[in-house]
Amino acid sequence: MEKDKGYLLVVEDVPDILILLETTLKFKGYRVQTAVNGQEALELVYKEHPALIITDILMPKMDGFSLVHRLRLDPETRDIPVIFLSATYVTPEDKAFAQTIGVSRFIEKPVDLETFLPIIDQLYTQGALALVEPLNEREFYDGYRKRLEAKLKQKNVQITRDEHLLETLPEKERQSFKGSLQAAENEREEIKKLLNQIYKLLEEKP
């Protein structure tokens, strides 16, 4: 079935997940475009508005929180429904903040396609179910800072625990475990980078 209400924009920096989502949605008849961060996504949005955006949260250059905030501040893009996908930001506080800034639905990774596809169909057909008043810059960055600080604390605990566990593993199991530890360390560095940017922005704002 060919969909004609507009394209779906999938924003994801992990290649395997991006390919899976793009392939699945195209198979279902949707027109799909992809981006690997929020900055790329915004450029595509302003060329042609999508019917729906499906985006990861933790990404380089511009993450999902910042992307949604930018979209909601602009009357031209305020009503585009957005689905968050995340394996990192999954606490009740993360989901509440996502709802506050105007995210339509929140889906945890790994994505269950049997649940995911009906949600896509509903939002594609009906659009955003309810629009929220966008937060002002100070409110957004203050809430964003709290989410990043909580996530950094969790990552530090996880990495410390995994480093200790690594020392107890047999040599043949260490290599694959080192890969997941490295991924967690990369995520921690990305969170630190974002936090530093937020601290500077908050210092500049009254």
C-alpha atoms as a PDB file:
ATOM      1  CA  MET A   1       0.000   0.000   0.000  1.00  0.00           C
ATOM      2  CA  GLU A   2       1.526   3.312  -1.120  1.00  0.00           C
ATOM      3  CA  LYS A   3       1.258   6.071   1.480  1.00  0.00           C
ATOM      4  CA  ASP A   4       0.613   9.602   0.179  1.00  0.00           C
ATOM      5  CA  LYS A   5       0.377  11.833   3.275  1.00  0.00           C
ATOM      6  CA  GLY A   6       4.107  12.554   3.306  1.00  0.00           C
ATOM      7  CA  TYR A   7       7.358  10.846   4.140  1.00  0.00           C
ATOM      8  CA  LEU A   8       8.655   9.385   7.387  1.00  0.00           C
ATOM      9  CA  LEU A   9      11.938  10.777   8.682  1.00  0.00           C
ATOM     10  CA  VAL A  10      14.049   8.272  10.633  1.00  0.00           C
ATOM     11  CA  VAL A  11      16.878   9.787  12.702  1.00  0.00           C
ATOM     12  CA  GLU A  12      19.369   7.285  14.114  1.00  0.00           C
ATOM     13  CA  ASP A  13      23.172   7.200  14.420  1.00  0.00           C
ATOM     14  CA  VAL A  14      23.517   3.417  14.771  1.00  0.00           C
ATOM     15  CA  PRO A  15      23.721   2.066  11.176  1.00  0.00           C
ATOM     16  CA  ASP A  16      22.190  -1.369  11.841  1.00  0.00           C
ATOM     17  CA  ILE A  17      19.124   0.114  13.562  1.00  0.00           C
ATOM     18  CA  LEU A  18      18.739   2.776  10.874  1.00  0.00           C
ATOM     19  CA  ILE A  19      18.809   0.163   8.097  1.00  0.00           C
ATOM     20  CA  LEU A  20      16.318  -2.074   9.935  1.00  0.00           C
ATOM     21  CA  LEU A  21      13.816   0.747  10.441  1.00  0.00           C
ATOM     22  CA  GLU A  22      14.221   2.142   6.938  1.00  0.00           C
ATOM     23  CA  THR A  23      13.853  -1.270   5.283  1.00  0.00           C
ATOM     24  CA  THR A  24      10.832  -2.244   7.399  1.00  0.00           C
ATOM     25  CA  LEU A  25       8.976   1.015   6.804  1.00  0.00           C
ATOM     26  CA  LYS A  26       9.674   1.016   3.064  1.00  0.00           C
ATOM     27  CA  PHE A  27       8.405  -2.564   2.871  1.00  0.00           C
ATOM     28  CA  LYS A  28       5.185  -1.347   4.502  1.00  0.00           C
ATOM     29  CA  GLY A  29       4.759   1.215   1.727  1.00  0.00           C
ATOM     30  CA  TYR A  30       5.998   4.390   3.401  1.00  0.00           C
ATOM     31  CA  ARG A  31       8.288   6.889   1.720  1.00  0.00           C
ATOM     32  CA  VAL A  32      11.294   7.177   4.036  1.00  0.00           C
ATOM     33  CA  GLN A  33      14.200   9.557   4.425  1.00  0.00           C
ATOM     34  CA  THR A  34      16.996   9.134   6.961  1.00  0.00           C
ATOM     35  CA  ALA A  35      19.391  11.264   8.985  1.00  0.00           C
ATOM     36  CA  VAL A  36      22.128  10.355  11.476  1.00  0.00           C
ATOM     37  CA  ASN A  37      21.664  13.297  13.873  1.00  0.00           C
ATOM     38  CA  GLY A  38      19.278  16.106  14.704  1.00  0.00           C
ATOM     39  CA  GLN A  39      21.155  18.671  12.654  1.00  0.00           C
ATOM     40  CA  GLU A  40      20.771  16.622   9.464  1.00  0.00           C
ATOM     41  CA  ALA A  41      17.150  15.983  10.357  1.00  0.00           C
ATOM     42  CA  LEU A  42      16.328  19.693  10.667  1.00  0.00           C
ATOM     43  CA  GLU A  43      17.830  20.374   7.247  1.00  0.00           C
ATOM     44  CA  LEU A  44      15.562  17.727   5.717  1.00  0.00           C
ATOM     45  CA  VAL A  45      12.506  18.996   7.631  1.00  0.00           C
ATOM     46  CA  TYR A  46      12.904  22.502   6.238  1.00  0.00           C
ATOM     47  CA  LYS A  47      13.271  21.186   2.688  1.00  0.00           C
ATOM     48  CA  GLU A  48      10.060  19.144   2.961  1.00  0.00           C
ATOM     49  CA  HIS A  49       7.978  18.603   6.076  1.00  0.00           C
ATOM     50  CA  PRO A  50       7.639  14.936   7.027  1.00  0.00           C
ATOM     51  CA  ALA A  51       4.356  13.397   8.128  1.00  0.00           C
ATOM     52  CA  LEU A  52       6.142  11.842  11.115  1.00  0.00           C
ATOM     53  CA  ILE A  53       9.612  11.822  12.705  1.00  0.00           C
ATOM     54  CA  ILE A  54      11.056   8.729  14.408  1.00  0.00           C
ATOM     55  CA  THR A  55      14.221   9.609  16.276  1.00  0.00           C
ATOM     56  CA  ASP A  56      16.803   8.291  18.679  1.00  0.00           C
ATOM     57  CA  ILE A  57      17.666  10.542  21.638  1.00  0.00           C
ATOM     58  CA  LEU A  58      21.401  10.167  22.246  1.00  0.00           C
ATOM     59  CA  MET A  59      23.146  11.281  19.018  1.00  0.00           C
ATOM     60  CA  PRO A  60      26.134  13.471  18.108  1.00  0.00           C
ATOM     61  CA  LYS A  61      25.874  17.122  16.937  1.00  0.00           C
ATOM     62  CA  MET A  62      22.219  17.491  17.947  1.00  0.00           C
ATOM     63  CA  ASP A  63      20.335  14.935  20.016  1.00  0.00           C
ATOM     64  CA  GLY A  64      16.642  14.077  20.071  1.00  0.00           C
ATOM     65  CA  PHE A  65      15.735  16.419  22.933  1.00  0.00           C
ATOM     66  CA  SER A  66      17.226  19.433  21.145  1.00  0.00           C
ATOM     67  CA  LEU A  67      15.658  18.409  17.840  1.00  0.00           C
ATOM     68  CA  VAL A  68      12.149  18.279  19.324  1.00  0.00           C
ATOM     69  CA  HIS A  69      12.657  21.571  21.168  1.00  0.00           C
ATOM     70  CA  ARG A  70      13.640  23.303  17.901  1.00  0.00           C
ATOM     71  CA  LEU A  71      10.656  21.822  16.095  1.00  0.00           C
ATOM     72  CA  ARG A  72       8.185  22.898  18.790  1.00  0.00           C
ATOM     73  CA  LEU A  73       9.479  26.477  18.926  1.00  0.00           C
ATOM     74  CA  ASP A  74       8.728  26.994  15.221  1.00  0.00           C
ATOM     75  CA  PRO A  75       5.014  27.351  14.345  1.00  0.00           C
ATOM     76  CA  GLU A  76       5.778  25.849  10.918  1.00  0.00           C
ATOM     77  CA  THR A  77       7.011  22.546  12.411  1.00  0.00           C
ATOM     78  CA  ARG A  78       5.202  22.500  15.776  1.00  0.00           C
ATOM     79  CA  ASP A  79       2.543  19.995  14.742  1.00  0.00           C
ATOM     80  CA  ILE A  80       4.842  17.290  13.286  1.00  0.00           C
ATOM     81  CA  PRO A  81       4.378  14.171  15.458  1.00  0.00           C
ATOM     82  CA  VAL A  82       7.597  12.731  16.892  1.00  0.00           C
ATOM     83  CA  ILE A  83       8.319   9.244  18.244  1.00  0.00           C
ATOM     84  CA  PHE A  84      11.308   8.797  20.535  1.00  0.00           C
ATOM     85  CA  LEU A  85      13.291   5.557  20.416  1.00  0.00           C
ATOM     86  CA  SER A  86      15.820   5.011  23.191  1.00  0.00           C
ATOM     87  CA  ALA A  87      17.800   2.404  25.062  1.00  0.00           C
ATOM     88  CA  THR A  88      19.505   5.012  27.244  1.00  0.00           C
ATOM     89  CA  TYR A  89      16.788   7.446  28.335  1.00  0.00           C
ATOM     90  CA  VAL A  90      14.144   5.072  29.690  1.00  0.00           C
ATOM     91  CA  THR A  91      13.377   6.213  33.252  1.00  0.00           C
ATOM     92  CA  PRO A  92       9.932   7.617  34.140  1.00  0.00           C
ATOM     93  CA  GLU A  93      11.598  11.050  34.501  1.00  0.00           C
ATOM     94  CA  ASP A  94      13.054  10.800  30.977  1.00  0.00           C
ATOM     95  CA  LYS A  95       9.662   9.883  29.541  1.00  0.00           C
ATOM     96  CA  ALA A  96       7.927  12.677  31.470  1.00  0.00           C
ATOM     97  CA  PHE A  97      10.410  15.244  30.142  1.00  0.00           C
ATOM     98  CA  ALA A  98       9.916  13.915  26.602  1.00  0.00           C
ATOM     99  CA  GLN A  99       6.157  14.378  26.970  1.00  0.00           C
ATOM    100  CA  THR A 100       6.650  17.880  28.403  1.00  0.00           C
ATOM    101  CA  ILE A 101       8.622  19.023  25.351  1.00  0.00           C
ATOM    102  CA  GLY A 102       6.031  17.608  22.945  1.00  0.00           C
ATOM    103  CA  VAL A 103       7.060  14.052  22.026  1.00  0.00           C
ATOM    104  CA  SER A 104       4.047  12.089  20.784  1.00  0.00           C
ATOM    105  CA  ARG A 105       5.119   8.557  21.796  1.00  0.00           C
ATOM    106  CA  PHE A 106       8.091   6.912  23.520  1.00  0.00           C
ATOM    107  CA  ILE A 107       9.344   3.442  22.515  1.00  0.00           C
ATOM    108  CA  GLU A 108      12.167   1.612  24.245  1.00  0.00           C
ATOM    109  CA  LYS A 109      14.840  -0.241  22.275  1.00  0.00           C
ATOM    110  CA  PRO A 110      15.157  -2.933  21.134  1.00  0.00           C
ATOM    111  CA  VAL A 111      12.164  -2.052  18.982  1.00  0.00           C
ATOM    112  CA  ASP A 112       9.311  -4.561  18.961  1.00  0.00           C
ATOM    113  CA  LEU A 113       8.027  -4.217  15.392  1.00  0.00           C
ATOM    114  CA  GLU A 114       4.607  -5.691  16.230  1.00  0.00           C
ATOM    115  CA  THR A 115       4.059  -2.805  18.653  1.00  0.00           C
ATOM    116  CA  PHE A 116       5.984  -0.217  16.650  1.00  0.00           C
ATOM    117  CA  LEU A 117       4.177  -0.494  13.302  1.00  0.00           C
ATOM    118  CA  PRO A 118       0.603   0.126  14.596  1.00  0.00           C
ATOM    119  CA  ILE A 119       1.879   3.240  16.418  1.00  0.00           C
ATOM    120  CA  ILE A 120       3.451   4.484  13.173  1.00  0.00           C
ATOM    121  CA  ASP A 121       0.212   3.864  11.291  1.00  0.00           C
ATOM    122  CA  GLN A 122      -1.881   5.676  13.925  1.00  0.00           C
ATOM    123  CA  LEU A 123       0.301   8.794  14.063  1.00  0.00           C
ATOM    124  CA  TYR A 124       0.768   8.862  10.300  1.00  0.00           C
ATOM    125  CA  THR A 125      -3.007   8.765   9.816  1.00  0.00           C
ATOM    126  CA  GLN A 126      -4.132  10.979  12.707  1.00  0.00           C
ATOM    127  CA  GLY A 127      -1.147  13.287  13.241  1.00  0.00           C
ATOM    128  CA  ALA A 128      -0.151  14.581  16.674  1.00  0.00           C
ATOM    129  CA  LEU A 129      -2.899  13.729  19.135  1.00  0.00           C
ATOM    130  CA  ALA A 130      -2.368  16.841  21.271  1.00  0.00           C
ATOM    131  CA  LEU A 131      -0.044  19.816  20.923  1.00  0.00           C
ATOM    132  CA  VAL A 132       1.752  21.184  23.968  1.00  0.00           C
ATOM    133  CA  GLU A 133       2.893  24.730  24.625  1.00  0.00           C
ATOM    134  CA  PRO A 134       6.661  24.794  23.942  1.00  0.00           C
ATOM    135  CA  LEU A 135       8.943  25.398  26.921  1.00  0.00           C
ATOM    136  CA  ASN A 136      10.909  28.615  26.964  1.00  0.00           C
ATOM    137  CA  GLU A 137      14.673  28.299  26.525  1.00  0.00           C
ATOM    138  CA  ARG A 138      15.490  28.446  30.236  1.00  0.00           C
ATOM    139  CA  GLU A 139      12.873  25.836  31.176  1.00  0.00           C
ATOM    140  CA  PHE A 140      14.003  23.502  28.416  1.00  0.00           C
ATOM    141  CA  TYR A 141      17.724  23.687  29.195  1.00  0.00           C
ATOM    142  CA  ASP A 142      17.149  23.333  32.927  1.00  0.00           C
ATOM    143  CA  GLY A 143      15.074  20.169  32.425  1.00  0.00           C
ATOM    144  CA  TYR A 144      17.539  18.907  29.825  1.00  0.00           C
ATOM    145  CA  ARG A 145      20.446  19.439  32.265  1.00  0.00           C
ATOM    146  CA  LYS A 146      18.721  17.331  34.927  1.00  0.00           C
ATOM    147  CA  ARG A 147      18.188  14.459  32.480  1.00  0.00           C
ATOM    148  CA  LEU A 148      21.830  14.576  31.354  1.00  0.00           C
ATOM    149  CA  GLU A 149      23.175  14.715  34.919  1.00  0.00           C
ATOM    150  CA  ALA A 150      21.064  11.716  35.933  1.00  0.00           C
ATOM    151  CA  LYS A 151      22.200   9.800  32.841  1.00  0.00           C
ATOM    152  CA  LEU A 152      25.864  10.601  33.473  1.00  0.00           C
ATOM    153  CA  LYS A 153      25.561   9.296  37.031  1.00  0.00           C
ATOM    154  CA  GLN A 154      23.987   6.059  35.759  1.00  0.00           C
ATOM    155  CA  LYS A 155      26.696   5.635  33.113  1.00  0.00           C
ATOM    156  CA  ASN A 156      29.462   6.097  35.679  1.00  0.00           C
ATOM    157  CA  VAL A 157      27.935   3.394  37.886  1.00  0.00           C
ATOM    158  CA  GLN A 158      27.484   1.052  34.908  1.00  0.00           C
ATOM    159  CA  ILE A 159      31.045   1.539  33.655  1.00  0.00           C
ATOM    160  CA  THR A 160      32.608   1.055  37.100  1.00  0.00           C
ATOM    161  CA  ARG A 161      30.602  -2.147  37.563  1.00  0.00           C
ATOM    162  CA  ASP A 162      31.529  -3.435  34.092  1.00  0.00           C
ATOM    163  CA  GLU A 163      35.224  -2.658  34.602  1.00  0.00           C
ATOM    164  CA  HIS A 164      35.234  -4.806  37.733  1.00  0.00           C
ATOM    165  CA  LEU A 165      33.308  -7.553  35.946  1.00  0.00           C
ATOM    166  CA  LEU A 166      35.776  -7.520  33.054  1.00  0.00           C
ATOM    167  CA  GLU A 167      38.597  -8.457  35.408  1.00  0.00           C
ATOM    168  CA  THR A 168      36.747 -11.626  36.456  1.00  0.00           C
ATOM    169  CA  LEU A 169      35.965 -12.916  32.946  1.00  0.00           C
ATOM    170  CA  PRO A 170      37.906 -15.652  31.147  1.00  0.00           C
ATOM    171  CA  GLU A 171      40.165 -14.315  28.395  1.00  0.00           C
ATOM    172  CA  LYS A 172      37.982 -15.698  25.568  1.00  0.00           C
ATOM    173  CA  GLU A 173      34.969 -13.704  26.801  1.00  0.00           C
ATOM    174  CA  ARG A 174      36.786 -10.447  27.396  1.00  0.00           C
ATOM    175  CA  GLN A 175      36.988  -9.214  23.812  1.00  0.00           C
ATOM    176  CA  SER A 176      33.242  -9.082  23.172  1.00  0.00           C
ATOM    177  CA  PHE A 177      32.647  -7.585  26.616  1.00  0.00           C
ATOM    178  CA  LYS A 178      35.240  -4.884  25.908  1.00  0.00           C
ATOM    179  CA  GLY A 179      33.136  -3.820  22.916  1.00  0.00           C
ATOM    180  CA  SER A 180      30.059  -3.141  25.022  1.00  0.00           C
ATOM    181  CA  LEU A 181      32.201  -1.380  27.637  1.00  0.00           C
ATOM    182  CA  GLN A 182      33.690   0.842  24.938  1.00  0.00           C
ATOM    183  CA  ALA A 183      30.198   1.700  23.673  1.00  0.00           C
ATOM    184  CA  ALA A 184      29.160   2.738  27.195  1.00  0.00           C
ATOM    185  CA  GLU A 185      32.295   4.882  27.523  1.00  0.00           C
ATOM    186  CA  ASN A 186      31.544   6.550  24.182  1.00  0.00           C
ATOM    187  CA  GLU A 187      28.013   7.314  25.365  1.00  0.00           C
ATOM    188  CA  ARG A 188      29.390   8.776  28.575  1.00  0.00           C
ATOM    189  CA  GLU A 189      31.692  11.091  26.621  1.00  0.00           C
ATOM    190  CA  GLU A 190      28.793  12.239  24.448  1.00  0.00           C
ATOM    191  CA  ILE A 191      26.707  12.992  27.554  1.00  0.00           C
ATOM    192  CA  LYS A 192      29.614  14.934  29.100  1.00  0.00           C
ATOM    193  CA  LYS A 193      29.992  16.956  25.915  1.00  0.00           C
ATOM    194  CA  LEU A 194      26.281  17.795  25.867  1.00  0.00           C
ATOM    195  CA  LEU A 195      26.344  18.728  29.558  1.00  0.00           C
ATOM    196  CA  ASN A 196      29.228  21.136  29.040  1.00  0.00           C
ATOM    197  CA  GLN A 197      27.294  22.808  26.227  1.00  0.00           C
ATOM    198  CA  ILE A 198      24.207  23.130  28.443  1.00  0.00           C
ATOM    199  CA  TYR A 199      26.197  24.604  31.355  1.00  0.00           C
ATOM    200  CA  LYS A 200      27.573  27.296  29.022  1.00  0.00           C
ATOM    201  CA  LEU A 201      24.129  28.077  27.630  1.00  0.00           C
ATOM    202  CA  LEU A 202      22.604  28.347  31.111  1.00  0.00           C
ATOM    203  CA  GLU A 203      25.372  30.728  32.188  1.00  0.00           C
ATOM    204  CA  GLU A 204      24.548  32.959  29.231  1.00  0.00           C
ATOM    205  CA  LYS A 205      20.787  33.008  29.831  1.00  0.00           C
ATOM    206  CA  PRO A 206      19.243  35.205  32.577  1.00  0.00           C
END
